Amino acid sequence: MTAKIYTKLGKWYSLVYLLLVALACATGAMINWIITRSQTAGGETSFATTFFLAIASIVAVAAIVGIFQEKMWAKWITLGIYSWYIIGNIHSIIQPSLLSSLETDARGFKVMQLIALLFPVLGIIFLLEKPKTNVSS
């Protein structure tokens, strides 16, 4: 019998989050591929962006399979994906060129990014909780 790696809440939260990441990355890759194939918008999308999104969706699906199988490598991949989104959100909060180019008030943008930052942080907290062991006397 193998030891449990995930709590029930951490497992389901991560599964939903990874499913959304996989769907978003796959959709982005398909949109970039369609734009490139139809030469819309001057075909300005690069192969690297499309390739990265496709690989990210495959990694997210692999992590979903690993979570169902209670594998430790899936936990590390999931932590990496959460960290990737946290770093991306922090980058977009503090990037001065983006905030200075906005014509509107940037406070709403910062608040929205801070709310978006909450979801991967919660995922890390849920994922790092130790599952309770059933000890029979």
Protein backbone atom coordinates (compact mmCIF):
# COMPACT_ATOMS: atom_id res chain seq x y z
CA MET A 1 0.00 0.00 0.00
CA THR A 2 1.39 3.37 -0.98
CA ALA A 3 1.16 6.47 1.16
CA LYS A 4 -1.16 9.26 0.15
CA ILE A 5 0.59 12.23 -1.38
CA TYR A 6 -2.34 14.63 -1.80
CA THR A 7 -5.15 15.84 0.40
CA LYS A 8 -8.59 15.58 -1.13
CA LEU A 9 -8.94 19.36 -1.44
CA GLY A 10 -5.41 19.77 -2.84
CA LYS A 11 -5.97 17.01 -5.37
CA TRP A 12 -9.26 18.37 -6.74
CA TYR A 13 -8.14 22.00 -6.69
CA SER A 14 -5.01 21.08 -8.63
CA LEU A 15 -6.96 18.94 -11.09
CA VAL A 16 -9.37 21.78 -11.89
CA TYR A 17 -6.56 24.34 -12.12
CA LEU A 18 -4.46 22.11 -14.39
CA LEU A 19 -7.47 21.35 -16.58
CA LEU A 20 -8.04 25.08 -17.06
CA VAL A 21 -4.33 25.62 -17.79
CA ALA A 22 -4.36 22.79 -20.34
CA LEU A 23 -7.47 24.17 -22.04
CA ALA A 24 -6.12 27.73 -22.10
CA CYS A 25 -2.73 26.68 -23.49
CA ALA A 26 -4.25 24.35 -26.09
CA THR A 27 -6.68 27.06 -27.19
CA GLY A 28 -3.87 29.61 -27.43
CA ALA A 29 -1.76 27.21 -29.48
CA MET A 30 -4.66 26.53 -31.86
CA ILE A 31 -5.40 30.25 -32.26
CA ASN A 32 -1.73 30.99 -32.99
CA TRP A 33 -1.62 28.13 -35.49
CA ILE A 34 -4.78 29.38 -37.24
CA ILE A 35 -3.41 32.94 -37.41
CA THR A 36 -0.12 31.67 -38.82
CA ARG A 37 -1.78 29.39 -41.38
CA SER A 38 -4.27 32.00 -42.61
CA GLN A 39 -1.68 34.80 -42.57
CA THR A 40 -4.10 36.95 -40.57
CA ALA A 41 -2.56 39.91 -38.78
CA GLY A 42 0.49 39.58 -40.99
CA GLY A 43 1.28 36.13 -39.57
CA GLU A 44 3.05 37.81 -36.67
CA THR A 45 2.84 34.88 -34.30
CA SER A 46 6.04 32.93 -33.89
CA PHE A 47 6.48 29.20 -33.96
CA ALA A 48 8.13 29.37 -30.52
CA THR A 49 4.97 30.76 -28.90
CA THR A 50 2.77 28.11 -30.48
CA PHE A 51 5.25 25.36 -29.57
CA PHE A 52 5.52 26.58 -25.96
CA LEU A 53 1.73 26.64 -25.53
CA ALA A 54 1.37 23.16 -27.03
CA ILE A 55 4.08 21.74 -24.76
CA ALA A 56 2.55 23.48 -21.71
CA SER A 57 -0.83 21.88 -22.43
CA ILE A 58 0.79 18.44 -22.80
CA VAL A 59 2.67 18.89 -19.51
CA ALA A 60 -0.55 19.94 -17.75
CA VAL A 61 -2.36 16.85 -19.05
CA ALA A 62 0.55 14.65 -17.95
CA ALA A 63 0.37 16.22 -14.47
CA ILE A 64 -3.39 15.50 -14.34
CA VAL A 65 -2.70 11.83 -15.12
CA GLY A 66 0.07 11.77 -12.51
CA ILE A 67 -2.20 13.26 -9.85
CA PHE A 68 -4.80 10.59 -10.50
CA GLN A 69 -2.06 7.97 -10.06
CA GLU A 70 -0.76 9.68 -6.85
CA LYS A 71 2.73 10.27 -8.31
CA MET A 72 5.20 12.61 -6.64
CA TRP A 73 6.57 13.94 -9.96
CA ALA A 74 3.09 15.28 -10.73
CA LYS A 75 3.18 17.25 -7.50
CA TRP A 76 6.47 18.87 -8.54
CA ILE A 77 5.16 19.67 -12.02
CA THR A 78 2.02 21.19 -10.50
CA LEU A 79 4.13 23.31 -8.14
CA GLY A 80 6.14 24.46 -11.16
CA ILE A 81 3.00 25.47 -13.04
CA TYR A 82 1.68 27.36 -10.01
CA SER A 83 5.05 29.12 -9.69
CA TRP A 84 5.04 29.97 -13.41
CA TYR A 85 1.69 31.73 -13.02
CA ILE A 86 2.78 33.51 -9.82
CA ILE A 87 5.93 34.86 -11.48
CA GLY A 88 3.90 35.93 -14.53
CA ASN A 89 1.39 37.79 -12.37
CA ILE A 90 4.08 39.52 -10.33
CA HIS A 91 5.87 40.49 -13.54
CA SER A 92 2.75 42.07 -14.98
CA ILE A 93 2.05 43.94 -11.74
CA ILE A 94 5.48 45.55 -11.53
CA GLN A 95 6.25 45.99 -15.21
CA PRO A 96 6.50 49.79 -15.47
CA SER A 97 6.24 50.04 -19.25
CA LEU A 98 2.87 48.27 -19.30
CA LEU A 99 1.43 50.33 -16.47
CA SER A 100 2.64 53.65 -17.87
CA SER A 101 1.16 52.94 -21.30
CA LEU A 102 -2.35 52.46 -19.93
CA GLU A 103 -4.59 55.44 -20.42
CA THR A 104 -6.93 54.39 -17.61
CA ASP A 105 -6.32 54.16 -13.90
CA ALA A 106 -3.87 51.33 -13.22
CA ARG A 107 -5.21 50.58 -9.72
CA GLY A 108 -8.00 48.41 -11.12
CA PHE A 109 -5.46 46.47 -13.17
CA LYS A 110 -3.26 45.90 -10.11
CA VAL A 111 -6.23 44.74 -8.02
CA MET A 112 -7.28 42.33 -10.76
CA GLN A 113 -3.75 40.90 -10.97
CA LEU A 114 -3.58 40.54 -7.17
CA ILE A 115 -6.87 38.61 -7.22
CA ALA A 116 -5.50 36.41 -10.02
CA LEU A 117 -2.37 35.87 -7.89
CA LEU A 118 -4.51 34.41 -5.12
CA PHE A 119 -5.50 31.28 -7.09
CA PRO A 120 -2.03 29.75 -7.63
CA VAL A 121 -1.00 30.71 -4.09
CA LEU A 122 -4.02 28.83 -2.73
CA GLY A 123 -3.09 25.91 -4.96
CA ILE A 124 0.41 25.77 -3.48
CA ILE A 125 -1.00 25.93 0.06
CA PHE A 126 -3.47 23.11 -0.66
CA LEU A 127 -0.84 21.04 -2.44
CA LEU A 128 1.73 21.31 0.35
CA GLU A 129 -0.68 20.21 3.08
CA LYS A 130 0.21 16.83 4.44
CA PRO A 131 -2.57 14.25 4.11
CA LYS A 132 -3.87 12.75 7.33
CA THR A 133 -2.88 9.18 7.89
CA ASN A 134 -5.39 6.71 9.22
CA VAL A 135 -3.70 5.11 12.21
CA SER A 136 -5.60 2.25 13.75
CA SER A 137 -4.77 1.28 17.33
